[in-house]
Each structure stands twice: as C-alpha cells, then as structure tokens.
Amino acid sequence: MASEGEENPRVEIAHVLSVDLIGYSLLLITEQTRVMGELASVVKHTKRFRRADAEGKLVRIPTGDGMCLVFLDDPQAPIECAVEIASALKLHPDVRIRMGIHSGPVNQVIDVSDRSNLAGAGMDMAQRVMDCGDAGHILLSKRVAEDLDPFPRWRPHLHDLGECAVKHGRKISLANFYTDEVGNSQTPKKFASQEREPASAPVRHGSKGVWIAGLAALLVLLGLAAAKLLPLWQKSNGASANSHSIAVLPFENASDDPNTEYLAEGISDALINSLTELQQLRVIARATAFHYKGREIDPQRVGRELHVAAVLTGRVRQMQDALSVQVDLVDATTGAQLWGEAYERKISDVIAVKQAIAREVTQKLKLRLSGEEERRLVKRDSTNAEAYQFYLRGRYLWNKRTPDGLKQAIAQFQQAIERDPEFRSRLRWLG
C-alpha cells in the first residue's frame, strides 16, 4: 500500500537547465568519454554551478548524452550558468551542445538505484525546449523569458521565436537567447521547417465529395512534382547525400623549428571554429580530425571514414617574419582537386590568410552565405596579429592537456588579452 508521502509527494518550483551534446551517438566510445568529460569539467568550473552546489541548491542529473541541472534558488541561475558554459566552450569547439531552460514543478522520487532523485513536468519541459534547438542554441520557455524580461541585463538578448511543435502534437512558445558572444542567432531548423509546411485545409468528416476532390488534387500535385524532380534526381543519382560536409585535417608544420607547430595547428583549428559557425555546413570535430595528424593522408579514404564530401589539407612554413601556407581542397568522392592556393605573406597577415582560406572553401563548396553568416565566419578573429599569435599558442598548449601545458596556456592567453582586450570576453573563464 502506498504511503501518504508517496501519494502526496512534495512539489516545488525549480529552474532547470537541460544540456545535450550534438552528435554524441556518432562518436567512438573513447571520444564519447573524452567529450563528456570535457563538458562536465567546463560545467563544474562555472561560478554559478559552484555557488549553487556549495549552497545545496543544485541537483545534477546525467541524461546519457548530456545533463540536467536543477537549480532550487534563483530563476536567473540557469541562464547565468548557460552563458558561462557557452563562453567556456569556445575553447572546446568540438564540444557542440544545445541548451534549454524552463521553470516548473519537480518532486522527489526514488530511482532504480534506491536513491533520492528528482522528476516532474519542469524537467520534462526543459528537455522539450532544448530539443527544439540546434548546435549553439540557448532556448527558453515563454515562462522563463517573461521572468527574465524585466531585467535590463537579459531583455535585449531575448528574441521571440513563436511556437514549436513537440511530442503528442503539443506546441510550446519559445524565445532564443543570444548575444554577440554566445548563443546561436539563427532560427532553429524545427521552426524553419514548420514555416515551410503549408497549413492543411480542414476536412469535414462525412463529406465524401470534398474528400475525393482533395485526394485528386493531391495526386495531381504529386505527379507534377515528380515530373519536375525526376530529371534532377537522375542527374544527381550516386552523388553524396551530404555534399556540404568537410574535414579540415591538421596542417603540417613544414618549418624546421618545432616551436612553430602552434601555427600549423592553430590555423587549421581556427578554420574548424569558423566553418562550424555555418549551420548549412557539417564540419568534422577537431578531436576527430586531429586523429589524422602525422599520418599519410588519402583524401578519399578520409572521406569514406568520416562520411564527408571534401577534405582540406595544408602545409605551413614560418621563416622569421615570412609565412607560407599551401592549402588543397579535395573532392573526397573522386579524389579530384577542387581548389589549391599558396599564400606567401608576412606572419602579421596570419589572420587575413585564415579568413581568405575560409572564404574560398565556402565558395568552392558552393555555399550561399547571408550577410549574417559572413560576419559569423570572422567574428572570432582579432584585429591584432600579435595578440592572435599569443592566442594560437595558448590554444596549442591547452590542447596538450598536461599540467605544465595548461599553466603555459593561461600565460599565453593573458598576453593575448593585454594586447587585445577583446579576447577578455572570449576568455572570461580565466577570471
């Protein structure tokens, strides 16, 4: 017989942040472990997480390919934590996530391990809010957006999206949170697909003539569509299902000085970061692409292994103040070279070289970029070449994942900030 406590569980309003790793199931088991570990480390080092945890006002629940953070104190806690997480993950471009926030009822339950846990509509709704987003999105339920709207620090960054269809035919009203530094300003794909779907005409049950007429009209439309699409299908049959996909492999350091290794890695790393900003382009994560470092490269084999249409390789040489970068873009299906270029510049032009490569890649892959996408392609770049080199050295040392490397990386990041204060927002997690 159920106890009174089980029949009338204590319910309270909680503020929930749901986090999901994009493409987690496609990773190898070892990569899943590494990526999840990086995400967990970033989350646990955010100030908002540590504060709520220390006060006993936080419940953390793993969800397989992400996590659910339940804050029991402040309705601003989830968005504060989300902003800190998004900022810190700029140094982990291969850890791609989406986040959803909702405030709603939760109650204590006993899970399968006989431990006290939380469940409830508040957590379920946060999950559904998150499911409406794509990589980089920080989506909020209407309730949360209304709670945050009175605060000047949040109001300018709340953008109404309208309704999104979720499970069981239900629709929920959402807002997209983004700033110049965090979030994803693009409309989630779920909303875009809903806008393209025509509203269905009402059907009166029992009206056989209307039903038959509607079916006949549908068949005519399908026939016309087939006539239009069949030649296109015949022309493209056998082509890659996802032609807008690329693997940027680690560039080779062609210099005699191993101390310039940071430059070769840094340019390829920066290209991955920039191209990842384009929603229409699938970019292989750094962690996966860098498995090919130091190996003999067969672009067609790489294409088969990573399921990409194009592979970008490069060689970097630095001789004092001179910079030489050779890049090649190869069709991973045929092995044909789509584009190649040799850049002979000064080291101070490294940012311009990286931007030129990114633009050429998008053009050769026949991507049509909006003005906003072109800005996103270069938004992470500094205008100070010296600061940018310190930043690249910092990234190179950070990715070594050693105590000494991390210490040196922080020193390089601080040098970058001194020369270009704009790096402070990107590296705000340094404190």
Protein backbone atom coordinates (compact mmCIF):
# COMPACT_ATOMS: atom_id res chain seq x y z
CA MET A 1 0.00 0.00 0.00
CA ALA A 2 1.40 3.42 -0.87
CA SER A 3 2.33 5.68 1.95
CA GLU A 4 0.83 9.13 2.37
CA GLY A 5 4.16 10.68 1.34
CA GLU A 6 4.13 8.72 -1.91
CA GLU A 7 0.51 9.61 -2.65
CA ASN A 8 1.09 13.30 -1.95
CA PRO A 9 4.70 13.97 -2.93
CA ARG A 10 6.18 17.34 -2.08
CA VAL A 11 6.23 19.52 -5.19
CA GLU A 12 8.29 22.67 -5.64
CA ILE A 13 9.12 25.02 -8.48
CA ALA A 14 12.64 24.52 -9.83
CA HIS A 15 14.65 26.28 -12.51
CA VAL A 16 16.03 23.74 -14.96
CA LEU A 17 18.89 23.87 -17.46
CA SER A 18 18.95 20.92 -19.88
CA VAL A 19 22.18 20.34 -21.86
CA ASP A 20 22.62 17.99 -24.80
CA LEU A 21 25.75 17.03 -26.78
CA ILE A 22 25.23 17.31 -30.54
CA GLY A 23 26.28 14.21 -32.49
CA TYR A 24 27.21 12.30 -29.33
CA SER A 25 25.88 8.95 -30.57
CA LEU A 26 28.00 9.18 -33.74
CA LEU A 27 31.28 9.33 -31.80
CA LEU A 28 33.52 6.42 -30.94
CA ILE A 29 33.23 5.24 -27.33
CA THR A 30 36.61 6.74 -26.44
CA GLU A 31 35.58 10.06 -27.97
CA GLN A 32 32.25 9.97 -26.13
CA THR A 33 34.11 9.58 -22.85
CA ARG A 34 36.50 12.42 -23.65
CA VAL A 35 33.86 14.84 -24.91
CA MET A 36 31.52 14.16 -21.99
CA GLY A 37 34.45 14.61 -19.60
CA GLU A 38 35.32 17.97 -21.14
CA LEU A 39 31.72 19.15 -20.91
CA ALA A 40 31.40 18.01 -17.30
CA SER A 41 34.65 19.77 -16.38
CA VAL A 42 33.53 23.02 -18.01
CA VAL A 43 30.15 22.91 -16.29
CA LYS A 44 31.58 22.14 -12.84
CA HIS A 45 34.01 25.05 -13.09
CA THR A 46 31.39 27.70 -13.83
CA LYS A 47 30.85 30.16 -10.98
CA ARG A 48 27.08 29.69 -10.96
CA PHE A 49 27.39 25.92 -10.69
CA ARG A 50 29.92 26.10 -7.85
CA ARG A 51 27.86 28.66 -5.94
CA ALA A 52 24.58 26.72 -6.13
CA ASP A 53 26.36 23.45 -5.36
CA ALA A 54 28.06 24.92 -2.29
CA GLU A 55 24.72 26.23 -1.02
CA GLY A 56 22.99 22.89 -1.55
CA LYS A 57 20.65 24.46 -4.09
CA LEU A 58 21.62 22.33 -7.09
CA VAL A 59 20.72 18.83 -8.24
CA ARG A 60 22.68 17.39 -11.18
CA ILE A 61 21.25 14.55 -13.19
CA PRO A 62 23.08 12.77 -16.06
CA THR A 63 20.93 12.14 -19.13
CA GLY A 64 23.10 9.84 -21.26
CA ASP A 65 24.19 12.34 -23.90
CA GLY A 66 24.07 15.39 -21.65
CA MET A 67 22.89 16.53 -18.25
CA CYS A 68 20.11 18.28 -16.40
CA LEU A 69 20.94 20.96 -13.82
CA VAL A 70 18.10 21.71 -11.44
CA PHE A 71 18.52 24.98 -9.52
CA LEU A 72 16.34 25.38 -6.46
CA ASP A 73 17.08 29.01 -5.58
CA ASP A 74 17.08 31.65 -8.32
CA PRO A 75 15.19 31.81 -11.68
CA GLN A 76 18.23 33.58 -13.16
CA ALA A 77 20.57 30.73 -12.21
CA PRO A 78 20.07 28.58 -15.36
CA ILE A 79 20.66 31.41 -17.84
CA GLU A 80 23.69 32.62 -15.88
CA CYS A 81 25.10 29.11 -15.92
CA ALA A 82 24.27 28.65 -19.62
CA VAL A 83 26.12 31.84 -20.57
CA GLU A 84 29.18 30.75 -18.59
CA ILE A 85 29.13 27.29 -20.19
CA ALA A 86 28.79 28.70 -23.72
CA SER A 87 31.64 31.14 -23.11
CA ALA A 88 33.99 28.47 -21.75
CA LEU A 89 33.20 26.05 -24.59
CA LYS A 90 34.68 28.46 -27.12
CA LEU A 91 37.96 26.81 -26.20
CA HIS A 92 36.40 23.40 -26.93
CA PRO A 93 34.93 23.80 -30.44
CA ASP A 94 34.48 20.03 -30.83
CA VAL A 95 32.14 20.01 -27.81
CA ARG A 96 28.96 21.16 -29.53
CA ILE A 97 25.87 21.50 -27.37
CA ARG A 98 22.39 22.93 -27.26
CA MET A 99 20.63 24.11 -24.11
CA GLY A 100 17.04 24.54 -22.97
CA ILE A 101 15.69 26.34 -19.89
CA HIS A 102 12.33 26.08 -18.13
CA SER A 103 10.94 26.77 -14.66
CA GLY A 104 8.33 24.32 -13.46
CA PRO A 105 7.26 21.78 -10.84
CA VAL A 106 9.54 18.94 -9.71
CA ASN A 107 9.17 16.37 -6.99
CA GLN A 108 11.39 13.87 -5.22
CA VAL A 109 11.32 10.23 -6.39
CA ILE A 110 13.23 7.07 -5.56
CA ASP A 111 15.13 5.92 -8.64
CA VAL A 112 16.10 2.38 -9.72
CA SER A 113 19.21 2.55 -7.53
CA ASP A 114 17.03 3.31 -4.47
CA ARG A 115 18.43 6.81 -4.32
CA SER A 116 16.50 10.03 -3.87
CA ASN A 117 16.21 11.89 -7.15
CA LEU A 118 14.06 14.49 -8.90
CA ALA A 119 11.45 14.20 -11.63
CA GLY A 120 8.49 16.17 -12.86
CA ALA A 121 6.98 18.33 -15.56
CA GLY A 122 9.57 21.08 -15.06
CA MET A 123 12.38 18.78 -16.14
CA ASP A 124 10.39 17.21 -18.98
CA MET A 125 9.57 20.64 -20.40
CA ALA A 126 13.19 21.82 -20.22
CA GLN A 127 14.12 18.76 -22.27
CA ARG A 128 11.47 19.55 -24.88
CA VAL A 129 12.57 23.19 -25.06
CA MET A 130 16.14 22.04 -25.67
CA ASP A 131 15.04 19.52 -28.32
CA CYS A 132 13.72 22.39 -30.47
CA GLY A 133 17.21 23.87 -30.86
CA ASP A 134 20.34 23.21 -32.92
CA ALA A 135 24.02 23.43 -32.01
CA GLY A 136 24.78 26.59 -30.05
CA HIS A 137 21.18 27.48 -29.27
CA ILE A 138 20.11 28.59 -25.79
CA LEU A 139 16.32 28.31 -25.89
CA LEU A 140 13.94 29.47 -23.17
CA SER A 141 10.32 28.62 -22.49
CA LYS A 142 7.89 31.53 -22.62
CA ARG A 143 7.57 31.45 -18.84
CA VAL A 144 11.32 31.86 -18.34
CA ALA A 145 11.51 34.62 -20.97
CA GLU A 146 8.75 36.52 -19.17
CA ASP A 147 10.55 36.08 -15.83
CA LEU A 148 13.77 37.47 -17.29
CA ASP A 149 12.23 40.25 -19.39
CA PRO A 150 12.11 42.84 -16.55
CA PHE A 151 15.89 42.60 -16.07
CA PRO A 152 17.92 45.00 -18.28
CA ARG A 153 20.84 42.56 -18.43
CA TRP A 154 18.70 39.91 -20.15
CA ARG A 155 15.96 41.79 -22.01
CA PRO A 156 17.99 42.92 -25.09
CA HIS A 157 19.02 39.34 -25.77
CA LEU A 158 15.59 37.67 -25.66
CA HIS A 159 14.20 37.00 -29.14
CA ASP A 160 10.71 35.57 -29.56
CA LEU A 161 10.52 32.51 -31.82
CA GLY A 162 6.83 31.72 -31.66
CA GLU A 163 5.58 28.15 -31.26
CA CYS A 164 7.39 24.87 -31.80
CA ALA A 165 5.63 21.52 -32.21
CA VAL A 166 6.81 18.89 -29.71
CA LYS A 167 5.59 15.45 -28.63
CA HIS A 168 1.94 14.42 -28.77
CA GLY A 169 1.06 17.30 -31.11
CA ARG A 170 1.65 19.88 -28.41
CA LYS A 171 3.08 23.31 -29.20
CA ILE A 172 5.23 25.39 -26.86
CA SER A 173 6.17 29.06 -27.10
CA LEU A 174 9.90 29.73 -27.02
CA ALA A 175 12.47 32.52 -27.04
CA ASN A 176 16.03 32.38 -28.36
CA PHE A 177 18.74 33.87 -26.14
CA TYR A 178 21.89 35.12 -27.83
CA THR A 179 24.43 37.91 -27.62
CA ASP A 180 27.38 38.86 -29.81
CA GLU A 181 29.47 36.36 -27.86
CA VAL A 182 27.25 33.37 -27.02
CA GLY A 183 24.24 31.59 -28.41
CA ASN A 184 23.06 30.96 -31.96
CA SER A 185 21.20 33.80 -33.66
CA GLN A 186 19.84 31.63 -36.47
CA THR A 187 16.28 30.34 -36.41
CA PRO A 188 16.23 26.69 -35.27
CA LYS A 189 15.64 24.23 -38.09
CA LYS A 190 12.44 22.96 -36.49
CA PHE A 191 10.91 26.42 -36.77
CA ALA A 192 12.14 26.90 -40.34
CA SER A 193 10.64 23.55 -41.41
CA GLN A 194 7.32 24.46 -39.79
CA GLU A 195 7.25 27.75 -41.68
CA ARG A 196 7.71 25.87 -44.96
CA GLU A 197 4.86 23.46 -44.27
CA PRO A 198 1.54 24.72 -45.68
CA ALA A 199 -1.40 24.66 -43.34
CA SER A 200 -3.69 21.73 -44.08
CA ALA A 201 -7.24 22.53 -45.13
CA PRO A 202 -9.99 21.44 -42.75
CA VAL A 203 -11.74 18.23 -43.75
CA ARG A 204 -15.37 17.66 -42.87
CA HIS A 205 -15.98 14.06 -41.95
CA GLY A 206 -18.82 12.59 -43.93
CA SER A 207 -18.31 14.87 -46.94
CA LYS A 208 -17.22 12.21 -49.43
CA GLY A 209 -17.15 14.52 -52.42
CA VAL A 210 -14.80 17.01 -50.75
CA TRP A 211 -12.51 14.20 -49.62
CA ILE A 212 -12.28 12.72 -53.12
CA ALA A 213 -11.67 16.13 -54.71
CA GLY A 214 -8.91 16.83 -52.23
CA LEU A 215 -7.29 13.46 -52.92
CA ALA A 216 -7.44 14.05 -56.66
CA ALA A 217 -5.81 17.47 -56.29
CA LEU A 218 -3.07 15.94 -54.16
CA LEU A 219 -2.36 13.27 -56.77
CA VAL A 220 -2.10 15.90 -59.48
CA LEU A 221 0.36 17.91 -57.40
CA LEU A 222 2.43 14.81 -56.69
CA GLY A 223 2.54 14.00 -60.38
CA LEU A 224 3.72 17.49 -61.28
CA ALA A 225 6.35 17.39 -58.55
CA ALA A 226 7.61 14.02 -59.76
CA ALA A 227 7.89 15.31 -63.32
CA LYS A 228 9.97 18.23 -62.11
CA LEU A 229 12.17 16.31 -59.68
CA LEU A 230 12.85 13.14 -61.66
CA PRO A 231 15.38 14.71 -64.08
CA LEU A 232 17.16 16.32 -61.15
CA TRP A 233 17.26 13.01 -59.30
CA GLN A 234 18.63 11.22 -62.36
CA LYS A 235 21.30 13.86 -62.74
CA SER A 236 22.42 13.71 -59.14
CA ASN A 237 21.93 9.97 -58.54
CA GLY A 238 25.05 8.48 -56.95
CA ALA A 239 26.26 11.76 -55.52
CA SER A 240 26.99 12.19 -51.84
CA ALA A 241 23.88 12.57 -49.70
CA ASN A 242 25.52 15.45 -47.87
CA SER A 243 27.68 17.44 -50.26
CA HIS A 244 28.00 20.27 -47.73
CA SER A 245 30.39 18.48 -45.40
CA ILE A 246 34.12 18.86 -44.80
CA ALA A 247 37.02 17.59 -42.73
CA VAL A 248 39.73 20.15 -42.02
CA LEU A 249 42.75 18.00 -41.24
CA PRO A 250 45.63 19.28 -39.07
CA PHE A 251 48.01 21.31 -41.21
CA GLU A 252 51.58 20.05 -41.47
CA ASN A 253 54.39 22.07 -39.92
CA ALA A 254 56.89 22.35 -42.78
CA SER A 255 59.28 24.53 -40.77
CA ASP A 256 62.50 23.21 -39.26
CA ASP A 257 61.57 24.81 -35.93
CA PRO A 258 59.20 22.67 -33.80
CA ASN A 259 58.28 25.84 -31.88
CA THR A 260 56.17 26.90 -34.87
CA GLU A 261 53.99 23.81 -34.56
CA TYR A 262 51.42 26.02 -32.81
CA LEU A 263 50.95 27.96 -36.04
CA ALA A 264 50.15 24.93 -38.19
CA GLU A 265 47.72 23.54 -35.63
CA GLY A 266 46.34 26.99 -34.87
CA ILE A 267 45.37 27.83 -38.45
CA SER A 268 43.58 24.52 -39.02
CA ASP A 269 41.98 24.79 -35.57
CA ALA A 270 40.77 28.33 -36.34
CA LEU A 271 39.34 27.21 -39.68
CA ILE A 272 37.34 24.47 -37.96
CA ASN A 273 35.99 27.03 -35.47
CA SER A 274 34.97 29.47 -38.21
CA LEU A 275 33.39 26.95 -40.57
CA THR A 276 31.47 25.40 -37.67
CA GLU A 277 29.60 28.72 -37.41
CA LEU A 278 27.80 27.86 -40.66
CA GLN A 279 24.66 25.84 -39.97
CA GLN A 280 24.47 24.64 -43.58
CA LEU A 281 27.93 23.06 -43.43
CA ARG A 282 28.72 19.88 -41.49
CA VAL A 283 32.27 20.18 -40.11
CA ILE A 284 34.10 17.26 -38.54
CA ALA A 285 35.04 17.99 -34.93
CA ARG A 286 38.63 18.87 -34.09
CA ALA A 287 39.12 15.82 -31.89
CA THR A 288 38.17 13.50 -34.75
CA ALA A 289 40.05 15.38 -37.49
CA PHE A 290 43.26 15.57 -35.44
CA HIS A 291 43.43 11.75 -35.23
CA TYR A 292 44.95 12.05 -38.71
CA LYS A 293 47.84 14.20 -37.50
CA GLY A 294 51.19 12.84 -38.67
CA ARG A 295 49.58 10.17 -40.86
CA GLU A 296 49.81 9.71 -44.62
CA ILE A 297 46.66 11.28 -45.97
CA ASP A 298 44.44 9.67 -48.60
CA PRO A 299 41.54 12.16 -49.02
CA GLN A 300 39.21 9.51 -50.47
CA ARG A 301 39.82 7.17 -47.55
CA VAL A 302 39.28 10.03 -45.10
CA GLY A 303 36.04 10.85 -46.89
CA ARG A 304 34.80 7.27 -46.55
CA GLU A 305 35.79 7.04 -42.89
CA LEU A 306 34.28 10.38 -41.88
CA HIS A 307 31.42 10.48 -44.42
CA VAL A 308 32.38 13.89 -45.80
CA ALA A 309 32.32 15.28 -49.34
CA ALA A 310 35.52 17.36 -49.09
CA VAL A 311 38.86 17.27 -47.29
CA LEU A 312 41.06 20.30 -46.65
CA THR A 313 44.79 19.80 -46.05
CA GLY A 314 47.62 22.29 -45.68
CA ARG A 315 51.30 22.91 -45.03
CA VAL A 316 52.62 25.87 -43.02
CA ARG A 317 56.15 27.21 -43.03
CA GLN A 318 57.45 30.15 -41.00
CA MET A 319 60.88 31.64 -41.67
CA GLN A 320 61.45 34.56 -39.30
CA ASP A 321 58.85 37.12 -40.42
CA ALA A 322 57.77 35.23 -43.56
CA LEU A 323 54.72 32.97 -43.62
CA SER A 324 53.98 30.39 -46.31
CA VAL A 325 50.72 28.46 -46.34
CA GLN A 326 49.80 25.89 -49.00
CA VAL A 327 46.21 24.56 -48.91
CA ASP A 328 44.40 21.97 -51.00
CA LEU A 329 40.68 21.20 -51.10
CA VAL A 330 39.94 17.73 -52.48
CA ASP A 331 36.71 16.06 -53.55
CA ALA A 332 36.60 13.06 -51.20
CA THR A 333 34.48 11.03 -53.62
CA THR A 334 36.54 11.35 -56.81
CA GLY A 335 39.89 12.47 -55.43
CA ALA A 336 39.86 15.47 -57.76
CA GLN A 337 41.32 18.74 -56.52
CA LEU A 338 38.59 21.35 -56.10
CA TRP A 339 40.95 24.17 -55.23
CA GLY A 340 44.51 24.87 -54.20
CA GLU A 341 46.39 28.02 -53.25
CA ALA A 342 49.79 29.09 -51.95
CA TYR A 343 49.85 32.16 -49.69
CA GLU A 344 53.18 33.93 -49.30
CA ARG A 345 52.70 36.61 -46.66
CA LYS A 346 54.18 38.11 -43.53
CA ILE A 347 53.46 36.48 -40.19
CA SER A 348 51.44 39.58 -39.29
CA ASP A 349 48.99 38.59 -42.06
CA VAL A 350 48.08 35.25 -40.49
CA ILE A 351 44.53 36.40 -39.72
CA ALA A 352 43.96 37.61 -43.29
CA VAL A 353 45.28 34.30 -44.65
CA LYS A 354 42.95 32.28 -42.44
CA GLN A 355 39.97 34.43 -43.48
CA ALA A 356 40.87 34.12 -47.17
CA ILE A 357 41.02 30.32 -46.89
CA ALA A 358 37.65 30.17 -45.14
CA ARG A 359 36.01 32.32 -47.84
CA GLU A 360 37.49 30.25 -50.67
CA VAL A 361 36.32 27.00 -49.08
CA THR A 362 32.73 28.24 -48.80
CA GLN A 363 32.79 29.41 -52.41
CA LYS A 364 34.25 26.16 -53.75
CA LEU A 365 31.65 24.16 -51.80
CA LYS A 366 29.01 26.40 -53.40
CA LEU A 367 27.60 27.68 -50.12
CA ARG A 368 25.41 30.76 -50.36
CA LEU A 369 26.14 32.85 -47.29
CA SER A 370 23.91 35.55 -45.92
CA GLY A 371 25.42 38.75 -44.56
CA GLU A 372 24.97 37.39 -41.04
CA GLU A 373 26.77 34.15 -41.94
CA GLU A 374 29.68 36.07 -43.47
CA ARG A 375 30.01 38.03 -40.23
CA ARG A 376 29.88 34.82 -38.18
CA LEU A 377 32.67 33.41 -40.31
CA VAL A 378 35.12 36.03 -38.99
CA LYS A 379 33.52 37.05 -35.69
CA ARG A 380 36.08 35.20 -33.56
CA ASP A 381 39.06 36.84 -35.27
CA SER A 382 41.17 39.54 -33.67
CA THR A 383 42.42 42.64 -35.46
CA ASN A 384 45.71 42.41 -33.55
CA ALA A 385 48.05 39.88 -35.20
CA GLU A 386 50.41 39.71 -32.22
CA ALA A 387 47.55 39.03 -29.80
CA TYR A 388 46.19 36.41 -32.19
CA GLN A 389 49.53 34.56 -32.21
CA PHE A 390 49.56 34.51 -28.40
CA TYR A 391 46.03 33.13 -28.53
CA LEU A 392 47.03 30.39 -31.02
CA ARG A 393 49.99 29.42 -28.82
CA GLY A 394 47.64 29.27 -25.86
CA ARG A 395 45.21 27.00 -27.72
CA TYR A 396 48.08 24.74 -28.82
CA LEU A 397 49.40 24.41 -25.25
CA TRP A 398 45.89 23.99 -23.80
CA ASN A 399 45.16 21.08 -26.12
CA LYS A 400 48.19 19.20 -24.79
CA ARG A 401 46.10 18.57 -21.65
CA THR A 402 49.14 18.50 -19.34
CA PRO A 403 49.52 20.47 -16.07
CA ASP A 404 52.53 22.35 -17.45
CA GLY A 405 50.81 22.92 -20.77
CA LEU A 406 47.72 24.36 -19.09
CA LYS A 407 49.86 26.70 -16.98
CA GLN A 408 51.74 27.95 -20.04
CA ALA A 409 48.47 28.27 -21.98
CA ILE A 410 46.98 30.59 -19.37
CA ALA A 411 50.10 32.78 -19.54
CA GLN A 412 49.74 33.00 -23.35
CA PHE A 413 46.04 33.84 -23.07
CA GLN A 414 46.82 36.63 -20.63
CA GLN A 415 49.36 38.04 -23.09
CA ALA A 416 46.69 37.96 -25.79
CA ILE A 417 44.26 39.86 -23.55
CA GLU A 418 46.87 42.51 -22.74
CA ARG A 419 47.38 43.20 -26.44
CA ASP A 420 43.73 42.91 -27.44
CA PRO A 421 41.13 43.37 -24.66
CA GLU A 422 38.50 41.84 -26.97
CA PHE A 423 39.93 38.46 -26.03
CA ARG A 424 38.76 39.04 -22.47
CA SER A 425 35.16 38.18 -23.37
CA ARG A 426 36.25 35.01 -25.14
CA LEU A 427 38.48 34.01 -22.22
CA ARG A 428 36.34 35.35 -19.37
CA TRP A 429 36.52 31.96 -17.68
CA LEU A 430 40.15 32.79 -16.75
CA GLY A 431 38.74 35.19 -14.13
